[in-house]
Amino acid sequence: MTAAPGGLAGMHPAYFALVMATGIVSLACHIVGLDAVARALFGLNLVFYPALWALAIARVVRHRDRVLADILDHGRSVGFFTAVAATCVLGSQCLLVGDAYRTAFVLWVVGIALWGVLTYAVFTILFVKLEKPALAHGINGGWLIAVVAAQSVSVLGAQLATRLGDDAPVVSLFCLAMWLGGGMLYLWIIGIIFYRYAFFTMSPSDLAPPYWINMGAAAISALAGATLIAAAPCSPVLEQLLPFLRGMTLLWWATATWWIPMLVILGIWRHVYHRFPLRYDPLYWGAVFPLGMYTVCTARLSTAVDARYLVEISGRFVYVALGAWLTAAVGMAMHLVRSARRS
């Protein structure tokens, strides 16, 4: 997992997307009844997550200048938000696949702390630094990982809320605020991304894998809404807002659905029309995650709005997510082997 260009020094801050992708595909398999696969992926994440933290800490100790450069970089700094989403997705795995409530709760608290530190540190630095890139070079779909981070906190918290007794209403309100705040951030960022698409020249190299987060951020917003709807019985505030919650959740799901054909077309334009080489990049885990998230959010939405027929979409889409995960995993394994031979 240190096989980014330059070894540990060049390790991308978004590498925690490996845990995000593995975790959400595991949850997708759990939902559709592929329990053996779900448990296997859960086991892998129990290895990936601490390994990535060990590498990240080692990088801070040994290559502080490179870490600082990443924090100051408009394109790479937002990658640090994958640590928040990875923590909360693993927490959801612990809760639903591993039946480990206490571990899930601890991971939720860690996720909140990481979200608070990264949100106000990263954006403050990007706002006040003197030298900034042009819009066409500074914005990419990876910025929406900040939305995914906020929504992952909301999803895990709403799932935990039903077991928190008297504290459930307070936790539910907090999760509602995170959901709404994440949605606000999506609208701000996606507007800039759409503007960049429509009014600046796009080269094949510009269309990097993180643009799939355009869909993934909307999908996790739909999942967060569906999870809040499920938690409504333990929160008077959520019960009052149920019509609003259902309408907004459908909006997020429709937005995610709209993006899928568009992203497929752009991928064909990149790799088929322009013959852009398809080689392993850690950022491809950020493209696997939205596929698994769409599977999960569609299944949860089917219950939240009483549209059970939507489950059929999840039953088929899970194999797309699994195929993408396997492709990325094989690519990573081959990349690590080649890097080991070179060293």
Protein backbone atom coordinates (compact mmCIF):
# COMPACT_ATOMS: atom_id res chain seq x y z
CA MET A 1 0.00 0.00 0.00
CA THR A 2 3.01 2.29 -0.12
CA ALA A 3 3.36 1.78 -3.82
CA ALA A 4 2.40 5.28 -4.81
CA PRO A 5 5.02 7.15 -6.85
CA GLY A 6 7.95 7.82 -4.53
CA GLY A 7 7.06 5.06 -2.06
CA LEU A 8 5.97 6.18 1.40
CA ALA A 9 6.90 9.80 0.68
CA GLY A 10 4.54 9.86 -2.31
CA MET A 11 1.68 7.99 -0.67
CA HIS A 12 -1.54 9.77 -1.61
CA PRO A 13 -3.56 11.12 1.37
CA ALA A 14 -6.67 9.65 -0.27
CA TYR A 15 -5.45 6.05 0.13
CA PHE A 16 -8.00 5.51 2.91
CA ALA A 17 -10.47 5.20 0.02
CA LEU A 18 -9.28 1.56 -0.01
CA VAL A 19 -11.07 1.06 3.32
CA MET A 20 -14.08 3.06 2.14
CA ALA A 21 -14.46 0.94 -0.99
CA THR A 22 -13.88 -2.39 0.76
CA GLY A 23 -16.26 -1.46 3.57
CA ILE A 24 -19.15 -0.29 1.44
CA VAL A 25 -18.91 -3.28 -0.92
CA SER A 26 -18.95 -5.49 2.18
CA LEU A 27 -22.10 -3.76 3.41
CA ALA A 28 -23.67 -4.06 -0.04
CA CYS A 29 -23.02 -7.81 0.00
CA HIS A 30 -24.46 -8.04 3.51
CA ILE A 31 -27.66 -6.31 2.44
CA VAL A 32 -28.27 -8.58 -0.57
CA GLY A 33 -27.48 -11.77 1.33
CA LEU A 34 -23.88 -12.47 0.24
CA ASP A 35 -22.84 -12.87 3.88
CA ALA A 36 -19.67 -14.91 3.29
CA VAL A 37 -18.30 -12.24 0.95
CA ALA A 38 -19.35 -9.50 3.37
CA ARG A 39 -17.46 -11.15 6.24
CA ALA A 40 -14.37 -11.75 4.09
CA LEU A 41 -14.22 -8.09 3.09
CA PHE A 42 -14.80 -7.09 6.71
CA GLY A 43 -11.78 -9.19 7.67
CA LEU A 44 -9.68 -7.48 5.02
CA ASN A 45 -10.69 -4.06 6.30
CA LEU A 46 -9.59 -5.02 9.81
CA VAL A 47 -6.13 -5.36 8.26
CA PHE A 48 -6.27 -2.43 5.82
CA TYR A 49 -7.43 0.19 8.33
CA PRO A 50 -4.65 -0.13 10.95
CA ALA A 51 -2.05 -0.70 8.21
CA LEU A 52 -2.98 2.56 6.52
CA TRP A 53 -2.86 4.44 9.82
CA ALA A 54 0.59 2.99 10.50
CA LEU A 55 1.76 4.13 7.05
CA ALA A 56 0.16 7.55 7.45
CA ILE A 57 1.83 8.09 10.84
CA ALA A 58 5.18 6.87 9.50
CA ARG A 59 4.83 9.31 6.60
CA VAL A 60 4.20 12.20 8.99
CA VAL A 61 7.28 11.25 11.04
CA ARG A 62 9.64 10.61 8.11
CA HIS A 63 8.32 12.95 5.39
CA ARG A 64 6.75 15.95 7.10
CA ASP A 65 7.63 18.24 4.21
CA ARG A 66 5.65 16.05 1.78
CA VAL A 67 2.68 15.88 4.14
CA LEU A 68 2.72 19.67 4.53
CA ALA A 69 2.89 20.03 0.75
CA ASP A 70 -0.19 17.81 0.44
CA ILE A 71 -2.08 19.91 2.98
CA LEU A 72 -1.30 23.05 0.97
CA ASP A 73 -2.21 21.48 -2.37
CA HIS A 74 -5.74 22.16 -3.68
CA GLY A 75 -5.88 18.82 -5.46
CA ARG A 76 -4.46 16.53 -2.75
CA SER A 77 -5.46 18.13 0.56
CA VAL A 78 -9.09 17.03 0.30
CA GLY A 79 -7.82 13.45 0.14
CA PHE A 80 -7.30 13.55 3.92
CA PHE A 81 -11.09 13.43 4.33
CA THR A 82 -11.01 9.77 3.25
CA ALA A 83 -9.74 8.99 6.77
CA VAL A 84 -13.07 10.22 8.19
CA ALA A 85 -15.21 8.25 5.76
CA ALA A 86 -13.05 5.13 6.17
CA THR A 87 -13.41 5.30 9.95
CA CYS A 88 -17.19 5.60 9.83
CA VAL A 89 -17.68 3.01 7.08
CA LEU A 90 -15.62 0.55 9.11
CA GLY A 91 -17.82 1.48 12.08
CA SER A 92 -20.90 0.56 10.05
CA GLN A 93 -19.25 -2.75 9.18
CA CYS A 94 -18.55 -3.42 12.85
CA LEU A 95 -22.18 -2.67 13.69
CA LEU A 96 -23.94 -4.53 10.89
CA VAL A 97 -21.52 -7.28 9.83
CA GLY A 98 -19.51 -7.80 13.02
CA ASP A 99 -22.28 -7.02 15.56
CA ALA A 100 -19.73 -5.03 17.58
CA TYR A 101 -21.72 -2.06 18.88
CA ARG A 102 -19.08 -0.66 21.25
CA THR A 103 -16.36 -0.71 18.61
CA ALA A 104 -18.73 1.00 16.18
CA PHE A 105 -19.46 3.69 18.76
CA VAL A 106 -15.75 4.33 19.38
CA LEU A 107 -15.13 4.61 15.64
CA TRP A 108 -18.02 7.08 15.37
CA VAL A 109 -16.46 9.29 18.05
CA VAL A 110 -13.10 9.10 16.28
CA GLY A 111 -14.83 9.93 13.01
CA ILE A 112 -16.45 13.03 14.51
CA ALA A 113 -13.10 14.22 15.89
CA LEU A 114 -11.34 13.67 12.57
CA TRP A 115 -14.16 15.42 10.69
CA GLY A 116 -13.97 18.48 12.96
CA VAL A 117 -10.18 18.82 12.77
CA LEU A 118 -9.91 18.21 9.03
CA THR A 119 -12.91 20.30 7.97
CA TYR A 120 -11.77 23.47 9.67
CA ALA A 121 -8.02 22.91 9.17
CA VAL A 122 -8.09 21.98 5.47
CA PHE A 123 -10.61 24.59 4.36
CA THR A 124 -9.05 27.35 6.46
CA ILE A 125 -5.65 26.67 4.89
CA LEU A 126 -7.08 26.58 1.36
CA PHE A 127 -9.04 29.78 1.99
CA VAL A 128 -6.19 31.90 3.38
CA LYS A 129 -3.10 30.70 1.49
CA LEU A 130 -1.65 33.32 -0.83
CA GLU A 131 -0.85 31.27 -3.92
CA LYS A 132 -3.82 29.48 -5.45
CA PRO A 133 -4.24 27.53 -8.70
CA ALA A 134 -6.56 28.43 -11.54
CA LEU A 135 -10.04 26.96 -11.19
CA ALA A 136 -9.50 24.40 -13.97
CA HIS A 137 -6.51 22.95 -12.12
CA GLY A 138 -7.62 23.41 -8.52
CA ILE A 139 -11.06 21.76 -8.50
CA ASN A 140 -11.84 18.08 -9.03
CA GLY A 141 -14.37 15.50 -7.90
CA GLY A 142 -12.15 14.65 -4.95
CA TRP A 143 -13.39 17.80 -3.23
CA LEU A 144 -16.68 16.00 -2.69
CA ILE A 145 -14.93 13.61 -0.30
CA ALA A 146 -15.57 16.37 2.26
CA VAL A 147 -19.28 15.75 1.69
CA VAL A 148 -18.82 11.98 1.97
CA ALA A 149 -16.99 12.48 5.27
CA ALA A 150 -19.85 14.49 6.80
CA GLN A 151 -22.51 12.09 5.55
CA SER A 152 -20.60 9.04 6.80
CA VAL A 153 -20.69 10.51 10.30
CA SER A 154 -24.44 11.03 9.92
CA VAL A 155 -25.05 7.48 8.66
CA LEU A 156 -23.16 5.74 11.45
CA GLY A 157 -24.59 8.01 14.14
CA ALA A 158 -28.19 7.48 13.00
CA GLN A 159 -27.65 3.71 13.04
CA LEU A 160 -26.26 3.92 16.58
CA ALA A 161 -28.98 6.29 17.81
CA THR A 162 -31.66 3.61 18.07
CA ARG A 163 -29.61 1.93 20.83
CA LEU A 164 -28.76 5.04 22.83
CA GLY A 165 -31.94 5.31 24.91
CA ASP A 166 -32.50 8.80 26.34
CA ASP A 167 -29.60 10.19 24.31
CA ALA A 168 -31.16 9.11 21.01
CA PRO A 169 -33.01 12.42 20.29
CA VAL A 170 -29.85 14.48 20.77
CA VAL A 171 -27.73 12.16 18.63
CA SER A 172 -30.43 12.10 15.95
CA LEU A 173 -30.54 15.90 15.82
CA PHE A 174 -26.76 16.01 15.49
CA CYS A 175 -26.92 13.50 12.63
CA LEU A 176 -29.64 15.55 10.97
CA ALA A 177 -27.43 18.65 11.17
CA MET A 178 -24.52 16.72 9.66
CA TRP A 179 -26.77 15.49 6.83
CA LEU A 180 -28.03 18.98 6.03
CA GLY A 181 -24.56 20.52 6.32
CA GLY A 182 -23.12 17.85 4.02
CA GLY A 183 -25.89 18.50 1.53
CA MET A 184 -25.16 22.21 1.61
CA LEU A 185 -21.49 21.49 0.90
CA TYR A 186 -22.41 19.21 -2.03
CA LEU A 187 -24.46 21.95 -3.67
CA TRP A 188 -21.63 24.46 -3.32
CA ILE A 189 -18.93 22.16 -4.69
CA ILE A 190 -20.90 20.43 -7.46
CA GLY A 191 -21.86 23.81 -8.88
CA ILE A 192 -18.17 24.68 -9.29
CA ILE A 193 -17.40 21.25 -10.77
CA PHE A 194 -20.26 21.54 -13.26
CA TYR A 195 -19.03 25.00 -14.22
CA ARG A 196 -15.54 23.60 -14.77
CA TYR A 197 -17.01 20.80 -16.96
CA ALA A 198 -19.05 23.14 -19.11
CA PHE A 199 -16.80 26.17 -19.56
CA PHE A 200 -13.20 24.92 -19.47
CA THR A 201 -11.46 22.61 -21.92
CA MET A 202 -11.36 19.04 -20.58
CA SER A 203 -8.48 16.74 -21.49
CA PRO A 204 -8.55 12.96 -20.86
CA SER A 205 -5.98 13.32 -18.07
CA ASP A 206 -8.28 15.77 -16.29
CA LEU A 207 -11.05 13.20 -15.96
CA ALA A 208 -9.42 11.33 -13.08
CA PRO A 209 -11.25 8.59 -11.08
CA PRO A 210 -12.33 10.94 -8.22
CA TYR A 211 -14.97 12.39 -10.54
CA TRP A 212 -17.03 9.30 -9.68
CA ILE A 213 -17.45 10.91 -6.27
CA ASN A 214 -19.91 13.24 -8.05
CA MET A 215 -22.26 10.27 -7.86
CA GLY A 216 -20.95 8.76 -4.64
CA ALA A 217 -21.47 11.93 -2.58
CA ALA A 218 -25.10 12.11 -3.71
CA ALA A 219 -25.57 8.39 -3.03
CA ILE A 220 -24.27 8.59 0.53
CA SER A 221 -26.50 11.64 1.07
CA ALA A 222 -29.43 9.44 0.03
CA LEU A 223 -28.25 6.72 2.41
CA ALA A 224 -27.95 9.22 5.26
CA GLY A 225 -31.50 10.42 4.59
CA ALA A 226 -32.86 6.86 4.52
CA THR A 227 -31.03 6.07 7.76
CA LEU A 228 -32.50 9.16 9.45
CA ILE A 229 -35.96 8.07 8.33
CA ALA A 230 -35.37 4.66 9.94
CA ALA A 231 -34.28 6.41 13.17
CA ALA A 232 -37.34 8.72 13.26
CA PRO A 233 -39.24 6.68 15.93
CA CYS A 234 -36.61 7.63 18.52
CA SER A 235 -36.59 11.36 17.69
CA PRO A 236 -39.54 13.79 17.84
CA VAL A 237 -37.66 16.19 15.55
CA LEU A 238 -37.17 13.57 12.85
CA GLU A 239 -40.80 12.46 13.11
CA GLN A 240 -41.96 16.01 12.43
CA LEU A 241 -39.71 16.20 9.36
CA LEU A 242 -40.54 12.84 7.77
CA PRO A 243 -42.15 14.25 4.59
CA PHE A 244 -39.16 16.54 4.10
CA LEU A 245 -36.72 13.71 4.79
CA ARG A 246 -38.38 11.41 2.27
CA GLY A 247 -38.50 14.09 -0.42
CA MET A 248 -34.86 15.11 0.02
CA THR A 249 -33.72 11.50 0.16
CA LEU A 250 -35.43 10.82 -3.15
CA LEU A 251 -33.79 13.94 -4.58
CA TRP A 252 -30.32 12.71 -3.58
CA TRP A 253 -30.99 9.24 -4.99
CA ALA A 254 -32.25 10.72 -8.27
CA THR A 255 -29.14 12.91 -8.45
CA ALA A 256 -26.87 9.91 -7.95
CA THR A 257 -28.81 7.98 -10.60
CA TRP A 258 -28.50 10.86 -13.09
CA TRP A 259 -24.72 10.88 -12.72
CA ILE A 260 -24.18 7.19 -13.56
CA PRO A 261 -24.83 7.34 -17.36
CA MET A 262 -22.97 10.67 -17.59
CA LEU A 263 -19.88 9.26 -15.89
CA VAL A 264 -19.96 6.11 -18.02
CA ILE A 265 -20.11 8.24 -21.19
CA LEU A 266 -17.21 10.39 -20.01
CA GLY A 267 -15.25 7.24 -19.15
CA ILE A 268 -15.80 5.92 -22.68
CA TRP A 269 -14.71 9.29 -24.07
CA ARG A 270 -11.55 9.10 -21.97
CA HIS A 271 -10.48 5.48 -22.44
CA VAL A 272 -12.02 4.47 -25.78
CA TYR A 273 -12.19 7.61 -27.89
CA HIS A 274 -8.94 9.13 -26.60
CA ARG A 275 -7.34 5.76 -25.71
CA PHE A 276 -6.15 7.04 -22.36
CA PRO A 277 -4.21 4.16 -20.71
CA LEU A 278 -6.03 2.30 -17.94
CA ARG A 279 -3.46 1.56 -15.25
CA TYR A 280 -3.65 1.16 -11.48
CA ASP A 281 -3.94 4.32 -9.45
CA PRO A 282 -4.91 4.45 -5.75
CA LEU A 283 -7.52 7.02 -6.72
CA TYR A 284 -9.50 4.25 -8.45
CA TRP A 285 -10.69 3.14 -5.01
CA GLY A 286 -12.57 6.42 -5.01
CA ALA A 287 -14.42 5.16 -8.10
CA VAL A 288 -15.23 1.76 -6.54
CA PHE A 289 -16.78 3.36 -3.46
CA PRO A 290 -19.66 5.11 -5.30
CA LEU A 291 -20.72 1.84 -6.96
CA GLY A 292 -21.01 0.08 -3.61
CA MET A 293 -22.69 3.12 -2.07
CA TYR A 294 -25.32 3.24 -4.81
CA THR A 295 -26.14 -0.41 -4.10
CA VAL A 296 -26.57 0.24 -0.37
CA CYS A 297 -28.48 3.52 -0.66
CA THR A 298 -30.94 2.06 -3.16
CA ALA A 299 -31.70 -0.88 -0.87
CA ARG A 300 -32.24 1.42 2.13
CA LEU A 301 -34.31 3.83 0.08
CA SER A 302 -36.65 1.02 -0.96
CA THR A 303 -37.65 0.64 2.70
CA ALA A 304 -37.62 4.34 3.57
CA VAL A 305 -40.16 5.28 0.86
CA ASP A 306 -41.93 1.91 0.64
CA ALA A 307 -40.74 1.16 -2.89
CA ARG A 308 -39.65 -2.46 -2.44
CA TYR A 309 -39.14 -3.00 -6.16
CA LEU A 310 -35.99 -0.88 -5.95
CA VAL A 311 -34.28 -3.79 -4.18
CA GLU A 312 -33.97 -5.47 -7.57
CA ILE A 313 -31.57 -2.70 -8.62
CA SER A 314 -29.37 -3.39 -5.61
CA GLY A 315 -29.44 -7.13 -6.30
CA ARG A 316 -27.90 -6.52 -9.71
CA PHE A 317 -25.73 -3.50 -8.99
CA VAL A 318 -23.87 -5.29 -6.20
CA TYR A 319 -22.10 -7.41 -8.81
CA VAL A 320 -20.96 -4.29 -10.62
CA ALA A 321 -19.50 -3.03 -7.34
CA LEU A 322 -17.87 -6.40 -6.63
CA GLY A 323 -16.38 -6.54 -10.11
CA ALA A 324 -14.96 -3.05 -9.74
CA TRP A 325 -13.51 -3.91 -6.31
CA LEU A 326 -11.86 -7.09 -7.65
CA THR A 327 -10.42 -5.19 -10.63
CA ALA A 328 -8.92 -2.52 -8.37
CA ALA A 329 -7.63 -5.18 -5.93
CA VAL A 330 -5.89 -7.13 -8.71
CA GLY A 331 -4.43 -3.88 -10.04
CA MET A 332 -3.13 -2.95 -6.57
CA ALA A 333 -1.62 -6.42 -6.03
CA MET A 334 0.18 -6.33 -9.38
CA HIS A 335 1.38 -2.80 -8.70
CA LEU A 336 2.80 -3.81 -5.31
CA VAL A 337 4.55 -6.84 -6.82
CA ARG A 338 6.15 -4.74 -9.55
CA SER A 339 7.24 -2.13 -7.01
CA ALA A 340 8.75 -4.82 -4.78
CA ARG A 341 10.74 -6.21 -7.71
CA ARG A 342 12.07 -2.77 -8.63
CA SER A 343 13.26 -2.22 -5.07
